[in-house]
Amino acid sequence: MPTVLVVDDVADARHLMSRVLKHSGFDTLSAASGEEALRLARERRPAVMLLDIDMPGMDGFEVLGAVKQAEDLRDIAVIMLTAMSGEHFRAKARALGAEDYFVKASFKLADMLARIREHAA
């Protein structure tokens, strides 16, 4: 089973997404901070990272940039899952190398799971 790393500073959000992913056949890891996400990415090599933007300390854009610039991590597919809905956020995520972008308030779970499966293959 492919592994998905869920990165969000809100524990309930991490727990909910991890449960949905496990129910959908994925192994999961979770991280509450950008620093923890990078450490787990290096140690466990997930296929996909679901990444929030608004986090204290190292924000999601910084994590995304670090992943895509690191030779040992850049093959991890990063899918943004965030409350930030503005087009400038999407554009910045694309410019930094995000494979996809979903807004928490309006995404369709089936669409996101399909994109995770596609990138985990």
N, C-alpha and C. Protein backbone atom coordinates (compact mmCIF):
# COMPACT_ATOMS: atom_id res chain seq x y z
N MET A 1 0.83 -1.19 0.00
CA MET A 1 0.00 0.00 0.00
C MET A 1 0.87 1.25 0.00
N PRO A 2 0.54 2.22 -0.82
CA PRO A 2 1.30 3.48 -0.81
C PRO A 2 1.07 4.23 0.51
N THR A 3 2.06 4.99 0.89
CA THR A 3 1.98 5.78 2.12
C THR A 3 1.73 7.24 1.80
N VAL A 4 0.81 7.85 2.55
CA VAL A 4 0.49 9.27 2.44
C VAL A 4 0.84 9.93 3.76
N LEU A 5 1.61 11.01 3.68
CA LEU A 5 1.96 11.81 4.85
C LEU A 5 1.00 13.00 4.92
N VAL A 6 0.22 13.07 5.99
CA VAL A 6 -0.75 14.14 6.20
C VAL A 6 -0.10 15.19 7.11
N VAL A 7 0.00 16.43 6.61
CA VAL A 7 0.68 17.49 7.35
C VAL A 7 -0.31 18.62 7.61
N ASP A 8 -0.63 18.81 8.88
CA ASP A 8 -1.58 19.87 9.28
C ASP A 8 -1.35 20.12 10.76
N ASP A 9 -1.37 21.38 11.16
CA ASP A 9 -1.17 21.68 12.57
C ASP A 9 -2.42 21.43 13.41
N VAL A 10 -3.56 21.17 12.79
CA VAL A 10 -4.81 20.90 13.50
C VAL A 10 -4.96 19.38 13.65
N ALA A 11 -4.92 18.92 14.89
CA ALA A 11 -4.96 17.48 15.16
C ALA A 11 -6.21 16.81 14.59
N ASP A 12 -7.37 17.44 14.72
CA ASP A 12 -8.60 16.85 14.19
C ASP A 12 -8.53 16.67 12.68
N ALA A 13 -7.95 17.62 11.98
CA ALA A 13 -7.82 17.52 10.52
C ALA A 13 -6.91 16.36 10.15
N ARG A 14 -5.78 16.23 10.86
CA ARG A 14 -4.87 15.11 10.59
C ARG A 14 -5.55 13.77 10.85
N HIS A 15 -6.25 13.69 11.96
CA HIS A 15 -6.91 12.44 12.34
C HIS A 15 -7.99 12.06 11.33
N LEU A 16 -8.81 13.01 10.94
CA LEU A 16 -9.88 12.74 9.98
C LEU A 16 -9.33 12.28 8.64
N MET A 17 -8.35 13.00 8.11
CA MET A 17 -7.78 12.62 6.81
C MET A 17 -7.08 11.27 6.89
N SER A 18 -6.41 11.01 7.99
CA SER A 18 -5.74 9.71 8.15
C SER A 18 -6.76 8.58 8.16
N ARG A 19 -7.86 8.76 8.84
CA ARG A 19 -8.90 7.74 8.87
C ARG A 19 -9.49 7.50 7.49
N VAL A 20 -9.78 8.57 6.77
CA VAL A 20 -10.34 8.44 5.42
C VAL A 20 -9.34 7.71 4.51
N LEU A 21 -8.09 8.08 4.60
CA LEU A 21 -7.07 7.45 3.75
C LEU A 21 -6.88 5.98 4.09
N LYS A 22 -6.84 5.65 5.37
CA LYS A 22 -6.70 4.25 5.77
C LYS A 22 -7.89 3.44 5.28
N HIS A 23 -9.09 4.00 5.40
CA HIS A 23 -10.30 3.33 4.92
C HIS A 23 -10.25 3.14 3.40
N SER A 24 -9.50 4.00 2.71
CA SER A 24 -9.38 3.93 1.25
C SER A 24 -8.18 3.10 0.80
N GLY A 25 -7.50 2.45 1.74
CA GLY A 25 -6.44 1.53 1.37
C GLY A 25 -5.03 2.06 1.43
N PHE A 26 -4.81 3.21 2.02
CA PHE A 26 -3.47 3.79 2.12
C PHE A 26 -2.90 3.60 3.52
N ASP A 27 -1.58 3.49 3.59
CA ASP A 27 -0.89 3.62 4.86
C ASP A 27 -0.72 5.11 5.10
N THR A 28 -0.74 5.54 6.35
CA THR A 28 -0.62 6.97 6.61
C THR A 28 0.42 7.27 7.67
N LEU A 29 0.96 8.45 7.56
CA LEU A 29 1.81 9.07 8.57
C LEU A 29 1.21 10.45 8.80
N SER A 30 1.49 11.05 9.94
CA SER A 30 1.01 12.41 10.13
C SER A 30 2.07 13.25 10.82
N ALA A 31 2.02 14.54 10.51
CA ALA A 31 2.97 15.49 11.07
C ALA A 31 2.21 16.77 11.42
N ALA A 32 2.55 17.35 12.57
CA ALA A 32 1.89 18.57 13.04
C ALA A 32 2.65 19.83 12.66
N SER A 33 3.84 19.67 12.07
CA SER A 33 4.65 20.84 11.70
C SER A 33 5.44 20.55 10.43
N GLY A 34 5.91 21.62 9.83
CA GLY A 34 6.73 21.47 8.64
C GLY A 34 8.02 20.74 8.90
N GLU A 35 8.63 21.05 10.03
CA GLU A 35 9.89 20.39 10.38
C GLU A 35 9.68 18.89 10.57
N GLU A 36 8.61 18.52 11.26
CA GLU A 36 8.31 17.11 11.46
C GLU A 36 8.01 16.43 10.12
N ALA A 37 7.33 17.14 9.24
CA ALA A 37 7.00 16.58 7.91
C ALA A 37 8.27 16.26 7.13
N LEU A 38 9.23 17.17 7.13
CA LEU A 38 10.47 16.92 6.40
C LEU A 38 11.25 15.76 6.99
N ARG A 39 11.27 15.67 8.32
CA ARG A 39 11.96 14.55 8.98
C ARG A 39 11.30 13.23 8.59
N LEU A 40 9.96 13.16 8.68
CA LEU A 40 9.26 11.93 8.33
C LEU A 40 9.41 11.60 6.84
N ALA A 41 9.40 12.61 6.00
CA ALA A 41 9.57 12.38 4.56
C ALA A 41 10.91 11.72 4.28
N ARG A 42 11.94 12.18 4.95
CA ARG A 42 13.28 11.60 4.75
C ARG A 42 13.37 10.19 5.33
N GLU A 43 12.76 9.99 6.49
CA GLU A 43 12.86 8.68 7.16
C GLU A 43 11.98 7.62 6.50
N ARG A 44 10.79 8.01 6.06
CA ARG A 44 9.79 7.02 5.66
C ARG A 44 9.44 7.03 4.17
N ARG A 45 9.85 8.06 3.44
CA ARG A 45 9.67 8.13 1.98
C ARG A 45 8.22 7.88 1.53
N PRO A 46 7.27 8.72 1.94
CA PRO A 46 5.89 8.54 1.48
C PRO A 46 5.78 8.80 -0.01
N ALA A 47 4.77 8.21 -0.63
CA ALA A 47 4.53 8.46 -2.06
C ALA A 47 3.91 9.83 -2.28
N VAL A 48 3.05 10.23 -1.33
CA VAL A 48 2.30 11.48 -1.45
C VAL A 48 2.32 12.20 -0.11
N MET A 49 2.36 13.53 -0.19
CA MET A 49 2.24 14.37 1.00
C MET A 49 1.02 15.26 0.81
N LEU A 50 0.06 15.19 1.76
CA LEU A 50 -1.06 16.13 1.80
C LEU A 50 -0.62 17.24 2.73
N LEU A 51 -0.59 18.48 2.23
CA LEU A 51 0.09 19.55 2.95
C LEU A 51 -0.79 20.78 3.11
N ASP A 52 -0.98 21.20 4.35
CA ASP A 52 -1.67 22.45 4.66
C ASP A 52 -0.69 23.61 4.45
N ILE A 53 -1.22 24.80 4.21
CA ILE A 53 -0.36 25.97 4.05
C ILE A 53 -0.17 26.70 5.37
N ASP A 54 -1.27 27.00 6.05
CA ASP A 54 -1.24 27.86 7.24
C ASP A 54 -0.86 27.06 8.48
N MET A 55 0.43 27.07 8.77
CA MET A 55 0.95 26.39 9.96
C MET A 55 1.96 27.30 10.62
N PRO A 56 2.06 27.25 11.97
CA PRO A 56 3.07 28.07 12.64
C PRO A 56 4.47 27.56 12.32
N GLY A 57 5.43 28.45 12.44
CA GLY A 57 6.80 28.06 12.12
C GLY A 57 6.97 27.95 10.61
N MET A 58 7.36 26.81 10.16
CA MET A 58 7.56 26.55 8.73
C MET A 58 6.21 26.32 8.07
N ASP A 59 5.79 27.24 7.19
CA ASP A 59 4.48 27.08 6.56
C ASP A 59 4.54 26.09 5.41
N GLY A 60 3.38 25.77 4.85
CA GLY A 60 3.30 24.78 3.79
C GLY A 60 4.10 25.13 2.54
N PHE A 61 4.15 26.41 2.20
CA PHE A 61 4.94 26.81 1.04
C PHE A 61 6.42 26.54 1.27
N GLU A 62 6.89 26.79 2.48
CA GLU A 62 8.30 26.52 2.80
C GLU A 62 8.59 25.02 2.74
N VAL A 63 7.65 24.22 3.24
CA VAL A 63 7.82 22.76 3.19
C VAL A 63 7.83 22.30 1.74
N LEU A 64 6.87 22.77 0.96
CA LEU A 64 6.79 22.41 -0.46
C LEU A 64 8.09 22.76 -1.18
N GLY A 65 8.58 23.97 -0.97
CA GLY A 65 9.84 24.38 -1.60
C GLY A 65 11.00 23.49 -1.19
N ALA A 66 11.07 23.15 0.10
CA ALA A 66 12.15 22.29 0.59
C ALA A 66 12.07 20.90 -0.03
N VAL A 67 10.86 20.35 -0.13
CA VAL A 67 10.68 19.01 -0.72
C VAL A 67 11.10 19.01 -2.18
N LYS A 68 10.64 19.98 -2.93
CA LYS A 68 10.90 19.99 -4.38
C LYS A 68 12.33 20.38 -4.73
N GLN A 69 13.04 21.01 -3.79
CA GLN A 69 14.44 21.37 -4.04
C GLN A 69 15.41 20.28 -3.57
N ALA A 70 14.95 19.39 -2.73
CA ALA A 70 15.83 18.35 -2.19
C ALA A 70 15.87 17.15 -3.13
N GLU A 71 17.05 16.80 -3.56
CA GLU A 71 17.20 15.69 -4.50
C GLU A 71 16.61 14.39 -3.96
N ASP A 72 16.71 14.17 -2.66
CA ASP A 72 16.21 12.93 -2.08
C ASP A 72 14.71 12.93 -1.80
N LEU A 73 14.05 14.08 -1.96
CA LEU A 73 12.61 14.18 -1.67
C LEU A 73 11.75 14.59 -2.85
N ARG A 74 12.34 15.14 -3.88
CA ARG A 74 11.54 15.76 -4.94
C ARG A 74 10.59 14.83 -5.67
N ASP A 75 10.78 13.52 -5.55
CA ASP A 75 9.86 12.58 -6.20
C ASP A 75 8.58 12.35 -5.39
N ILE A 76 8.49 12.91 -4.18
CA ILE A 76 7.26 12.83 -3.39
C ILE A 76 6.24 13.77 -4.03
N ALA A 77 5.08 13.25 -4.35
CA ALA A 77 4.00 14.09 -4.89
C ALA A 77 3.40 14.89 -3.75
N VAL A 78 3.32 16.20 -3.92
CA VAL A 78 2.76 17.07 -2.89
C VAL A 78 1.42 17.61 -3.37
N ILE A 79 0.40 17.33 -2.58
CA ILE A 79 -0.95 17.82 -2.85
C ILE A 79 -1.33 18.75 -1.72
N MET A 80 -1.61 19.99 -2.05
CA MET A 80 -1.99 20.97 -1.05
C MET A 80 -3.44 20.71 -0.66
N LEU A 81 -3.72 20.69 0.65
CA LEU A 81 -5.08 20.58 1.19
C LEU A 81 -5.17 21.66 2.26
N THR A 82 -5.82 22.77 1.90
CA THR A 82 -5.72 23.97 2.71
C THR A 82 -7.03 24.77 2.69
N ALA A 83 -7.16 25.68 3.64
CA ALA A 83 -8.31 26.58 3.67
C ALA A 83 -8.08 27.78 2.75
N MET A 84 -6.89 27.97 2.28
CA MET A 84 -6.55 29.13 1.44
C MET A 84 -7.12 28.95 0.04
N SER A 85 -8.10 29.77 -0.32
CA SER A 85 -8.80 29.55 -1.58
C SER A 85 -8.43 30.53 -2.69
N GLY A 86 -7.65 31.52 -2.44
CA GLY A 86 -7.31 32.51 -3.46
C GLY A 86 -6.46 31.94 -4.59
N GLU A 87 -6.67 32.47 -5.79
CA GLU A 87 -5.92 32.02 -6.96
C GLU A 87 -4.42 32.26 -6.79
N HIS A 88 -4.05 33.32 -6.08
CA HIS A 88 -2.62 33.58 -5.87
C HIS A 88 -1.97 32.47 -5.04
N PHE A 89 -2.73 31.85 -4.13
CA PHE A 89 -2.20 30.71 -3.37
C PHE A 89 -1.97 29.52 -4.29
N ARG A 90 -2.97 29.25 -5.16
CA ARG A 90 -2.84 28.15 -6.12
C ARG A 90 -1.64 28.37 -7.04
N ALA A 91 -1.51 29.59 -7.53
CA ALA A 91 -0.42 29.91 -8.45
C ALA A 91 0.94 29.72 -7.77
N LYS A 92 1.05 30.17 -6.54
CA LYS A 92 2.31 30.01 -5.81
C LYS A 92 2.62 28.53 -5.60
N ALA A 93 1.60 27.75 -5.23
CA ALA A 93 1.81 26.31 -5.03
C ALA A 93 2.26 25.63 -6.32
N ARG A 94 1.63 25.98 -7.42
CA ARG A 94 2.04 25.40 -8.72
C ARG A 94 3.46 25.80 -9.06
N ALA A 95 3.79 27.06 -8.83
CA ALA A 95 5.14 27.54 -9.14
C ALA A 95 6.21 26.82 -8.32
N LEU A 96 5.85 26.43 -7.11
CA LEU A 96 6.80 25.72 -6.24
C LEU A 96 6.84 24.22 -6.51
N GLY A 97 5.90 23.72 -7.33
CA GLY A 97 5.96 22.32 -7.72
C GLY A 97 4.86 21.42 -7.20
N ALA A 98 3.81 21.98 -6.58
CA ALA A 98 2.72 21.14 -6.09
C ALA A 98 2.03 20.43 -7.25
N GLU A 99 1.72 19.17 -7.05
CA GLU A 99 1.05 18.38 -8.08
C GLU A 99 -0.44 18.72 -8.17
N ASP A 100 -1.02 19.15 -7.04
CA ASP A 100 -2.46 19.45 -7.04
C ASP A 100 -2.77 20.36 -5.88
N TYR A 101 -4.00 20.89 -5.87
CA TYR A 101 -4.41 21.87 -4.86
C TYR A 101 -5.89 21.70 -4.57
N PHE A 102 -6.23 21.44 -3.31
CA PHE A 102 -7.63 21.30 -2.90
C PHE A 102 -7.91 22.25 -1.75
N VAL A 103 -9.08 22.88 -1.80
CA VAL A 103 -9.52 23.79 -0.74
C VAL A 103 -10.42 23.01 0.21
N LYS A 104 -10.10 23.04 1.50
CA LYS A 104 -10.81 22.22 2.49
C LYS A 104 -12.32 22.42 2.46
N ALA A 105 -12.78 23.64 2.29
CA ALA A 105 -14.22 23.91 2.37
C ALA A 105 -15.00 23.44 1.15
N SER A 106 -14.32 23.11 0.07
CA SER A 106 -15.08 22.84 -1.16
C SER A 106 -14.59 21.64 -1.97
N PHE A 107 -13.65 20.86 -1.47
CA PHE A 107 -13.14 19.76 -2.28
C PHE A 107 -14.09 18.57 -2.24
N LYS A 108 -14.03 17.78 -3.30
CA LYS A 108 -14.78 16.53 -3.35
C LYS A 108 -13.82 15.40 -2.99
N LEU A 109 -14.17 14.65 -1.97
CA LEU A 109 -13.30 13.59 -1.48
C LEU A 109 -12.92 12.61 -2.57
N ALA A 110 -13.88 12.22 -3.40
CA ALA A 110 -13.60 11.26 -4.47
C ALA A 110 -12.55 11.81 -5.43
N ASP A 111 -12.61 13.11 -5.72
CA ASP A 111 -11.62 13.72 -6.62
C ASP A 111 -10.23 13.69 -5.99
N MET A 112 -10.15 14.05 -4.72
CA MET A 112 -8.86 14.06 -4.07
C MET A 112 -8.28 12.65 -3.97
N LEU A 113 -9.10 11.67 -3.61
CA LEU A 113 -8.61 10.29 -3.53
C LEU A 113 -8.13 9.80 -4.89
N ALA A 114 -8.82 10.18 -5.95
CA ALA A 114 -8.40 9.79 -7.30
C ALA A 114 -7.03 10.39 -7.62
N ARG A 115 -6.82 11.64 -7.23
CA ARG A 115 -5.52 12.28 -7.51
C ARG A 115 -4.42 11.65 -6.65
N ILE A 116 -4.73 11.30 -5.42
CA ILE A 116 -3.73 10.63 -4.57
C ILE A 116 -3.37 9.28 -5.19
N ARG A 117 -4.34 8.52 -5.62
CA ARG A 117 -4.07 7.22 -6.25
C ARG A 117 -3.20 7.40 -7.50
N GLU A 118 -3.54 8.40 -8.29
CA GLU A 118 -2.78 8.66 -9.53
C GLU A 118 -1.31 8.96 -9.20
N HIS A 119 -1.08 9.81 -8.21
CA HIS A 119 0.29 10.18 -7.89
C HIS A 119 1.04 9.13 -7.10
N ALA A 120 0.31 8.25 -6.42
CA ALA A 120 0.95 7.19 -5.64
C ALA A 120 1.34 6.00 -6.49
N ALA A 121 0.82 5.94 -7.70
CA ALA A 121 1.08 4.77 -8.57
C ALA A 121 2.49 4.78 -9.09
